[in-house]
């Protein structure tokens, strides 16, 4: 299910200028979780994507301590600058393949170059505060002179 969603996003993104891939870690009550995501942002900062995260690395096992999350993530712009962006990033998905969850999060992204950036997020996970750090890549970002 997630693999097919990723394939749709990646094939659609080959011509899209706002496709981003990210790797992140999130510290919450569950512990330290690692994950990755793929999303599309339009020129105004609105976006949609998919993420996967778990405690024990990239695994789909139903381990009671793994807590895999498969989710759809929206991006709603609050403030956009040339390199700095503040956004609300709500996530809707399934934990342990059974529980539907809503995870509200605010994220700040900083583009170091036109294709690489870092981010910081703060949100609520398991009714407690969470903090996340990420690095993202925009492989198909259109340059100002019209070249890729």
Protein backbone atom coordinates (compact mmCIF):
# COMPACT_ATOMS: atom_id res chain seq x y z
CA UNK A 1 0.00 0.00 0.00
CA UNK A 2 2.68 2.53 1.01
CA UNK A 3 5.06 1.28 -1.67
CA UNK A 4 2.43 1.86 -4.36
CA UNK A 5 1.78 5.35 -2.95
CA UNK A 6 5.49 6.13 -3.05
CA UNK A 7 5.72 4.90 -6.62
CA UNK A 8 2.80 7.12 -7.66
CA UNK A 9 4.39 10.14 -5.93
CA UNK A 10 7.83 9.48 -7.42
CA UNK A 11 6.58 8.93 -10.97
CA UNK A 12 4.32 11.99 -10.80
CA UNK A 13 7.16 14.02 -9.32
CA UNK A 14 9.57 13.48 -12.20
CA UNK A 15 8.13 16.56 -13.87
CA UNK A 16 7.06 18.32 -10.66
CA UNK A 17 9.32 21.06 -9.32
CA UNK A 18 8.28 20.72 -5.67
CA UNK A 19 9.01 17.07 -4.97
CA UNK A 20 11.00 16.50 -1.76
CA UNK A 21 12.42 13.45 -0.03
CA UNK A 22 13.25 13.59 3.67
CA UNK A 23 14.85 11.53 6.42
CA UNK A 24 14.04 12.43 10.01
CA UNK A 25 14.24 11.44 13.65
CA UNK A 26 11.55 12.18 16.21
CA UNK A 27 11.88 12.10 19.99
CA UNK A 28 8.64 11.49 21.88
CA UNK A 29 7.20 9.47 24.76
CA UNK A 30 7.56 6.36 22.56
CA UNK A 31 11.31 6.96 22.30
CA UNK A 32 13.51 7.86 19.37
CA UNK A 33 11.91 7.02 16.02
CA UNK A 34 13.48 7.19 12.57
CA UNK A 35 11.58 7.72 9.35
CA UNK A 36 11.44 8.93 5.79
CA UNK A 37 8.93 10.76 3.65
CA UNK A 38 8.10 11.86 0.18
CA UNK A 39 5.95 14.92 -0.49
CA UNK A 40 5.08 17.61 -3.00
CA UNK A 41 4.92 21.33 -2.22
CA UNK A 42 3.40 23.81 -4.64
CA UNK A 43 4.80 27.33 -5.16
CA UNK A 44 2.59 28.79 -2.43
CA UNK A 45 3.78 26.25 0.16
CA UNK A 46 0.76 23.94 0.28
CA UNK A 47 1.71 20.28 0.12
CA UNK A 48 0.80 16.64 0.53
CA UNK A 49 2.94 13.57 1.08
CA UNK A 50 3.40 10.25 2.75
CA UNK A 51 5.68 9.24 5.63
CA UNK A 52 6.81 6.10 7.40
CA UNK A 53 8.48 6.00 10.80
CA UNK A 54 9.27 3.37 13.41
CA UNK A 55 11.39 2.75 16.48
CA UNK A 56 13.40 -0.24 15.26
CA UNK A 57 14.42 1.09 11.87
CA UNK A 58 12.61 0.52 8.62
CA UNK A 59 10.47 -2.49 9.47
CA UNK A 60 6.82 -3.36 9.03
CA UNK A 61 6.82 -5.95 11.84
CA UNK A 62 4.03 -5.89 14.38
CA UNK A 63 6.49 -5.70 17.25
CA UNK A 64 4.85 -4.17 20.32
CA UNK A 65 7.87 -1.88 20.80
CA UNK A 66 8.30 -0.84 17.16
CA UNK A 67 5.21 1.39 16.74
CA UNK A 68 5.37 1.76 12.95
CA UNK A 69 3.47 4.80 11.65
CA UNK A 70 2.28 5.01 8.06
CA UNK A 71 0.67 8.38 7.41
CA UNK A 72 -0.44 11.03 4.98
CA UNK A 73 1.06 14.43 5.83
CA UNK A 74 -0.30 17.77 4.78
CA UNK A 75 1.65 21.01 4.62
CA UNK A 76 -0.21 24.22 5.34
CA UNK A 77 1.91 27.38 5.05
CA UNK A 78 1.96 29.84 7.93
CA UNK A 79 4.89 31.99 6.78
CA UNK A 80 7.01 31.57 3.65
CA UNK A 81 10.33 33.28 3.06
CA UNK A 82 12.93 32.87 0.37
CA UNK A 83 14.79 30.15 2.31
CA UNK A 84 12.86 29.80 5.58
CA UNK A 85 9.35 28.33 5.83
CA UNK A 86 7.03 27.84 8.84
CA UNK A 87 4.17 25.42 8.30
CA UNK A 88 1.50 23.36 10.03
CA UNK A 89 2.02 19.70 9.09
CA UNK A 90 -0.88 17.52 10.28
CA UNK A 91 -0.42 13.75 9.91
CA UNK A 92 -3.21 11.19 9.61
CA UNK A 93 -2.27 7.53 9.61
CA UNK A 94 -2.10 4.15 11.25
CA UNK A 95 0.13 3.05 14.14
CA UNK A 96 0.79 -0.72 14.38
CA UNK A 97 -1.52 -1.18 11.38
CA UNK A 98 -4.50 -0.91 13.76
CA UNK A 99 -4.93 2.52 15.31
CA UNK A 100 -5.95 5.59 13.33
CA UNK A 101 -4.14 8.64 14.69
CA UNK A 102 -3.98 12.39 14.12
CA UNK A 103 -0.62 14.02 14.87
CA UNK A 104 -0.51 17.84 14.82
CA UNK A 105 2.95 19.28 14.19
CA UNK A 106 4.52 22.62 13.36
CA UNK A 107 7.64 22.55 11.20
CA UNK A 108 10.31 25.03 10.22
CA UNK A 109 12.31 24.29 7.07
CA UNK A 110 15.49 26.05 6.06
CA UNK A 111 16.87 25.58 2.53
CA UNK A 112 20.67 25.51 2.77
CA UNK A 113 20.97 25.29 -1.02
CA UNK A 114 18.36 25.05 -3.76
CA UNK A 115 18.24 21.26 -3.35
CA UNK A 116 19.20 20.51 0.29
CA UNK A 117 17.66 21.72 3.53
CA UNK A 118 17.16 20.99 7.20
CA UNK A 119 14.11 21.23 9.41
CA UNK A 120 12.87 21.25 12.98
CA UNK A 121 9.41 20.19 14.12
CA UNK A 122 7.42 20.30 17.34
CA UNK A 123 4.15 18.53 17.88
CA UNK A 124 2.00 16.25 19.99
CA UNK A 125 2.49 12.47 19.89
CA UNK A 126 0.83 10.06 22.35
CA UNK A 127 -0.62 13.11 24.16
CA UNK A 128 2.92 14.35 24.93
CA UNK A 129 5.28 16.83 23.28
CA UNK A 130 7.53 15.58 20.49
CA UNK A 131 10.51 17.10 18.73
CA UNK A 132 11.81 16.15 15.30
CA UNK A 133 14.84 16.93 13.17
CA UNK A 134 15.08 16.32 9.43
CA UNK A 135 17.16 16.71 6.33
CA UNK A 136 15.43 17.01 2.98
CA UNK A 137 16.42 16.92 -0.66
CA UNK A 138 14.62 18.46 -3.63
CA UNK A 139 16.15 16.55 -6.56
CA UNK A 140 13.99 18.14 -9.26
CA UNK A 141 14.04 21.74 -8.02
CA UNK A 142 13.93 24.16 -10.93
CA UNK A 143 16.81 26.65 -10.94
CA UNK A 144 16.17 30.35 -11.51
CA UNK A 145 17.66 30.29 -15.01
CA UNK A 146 15.23 27.56 -16.09
CA UNK A 147 17.66 24.61 -15.86
CA UNK A 148 17.19 21.66 -13.57
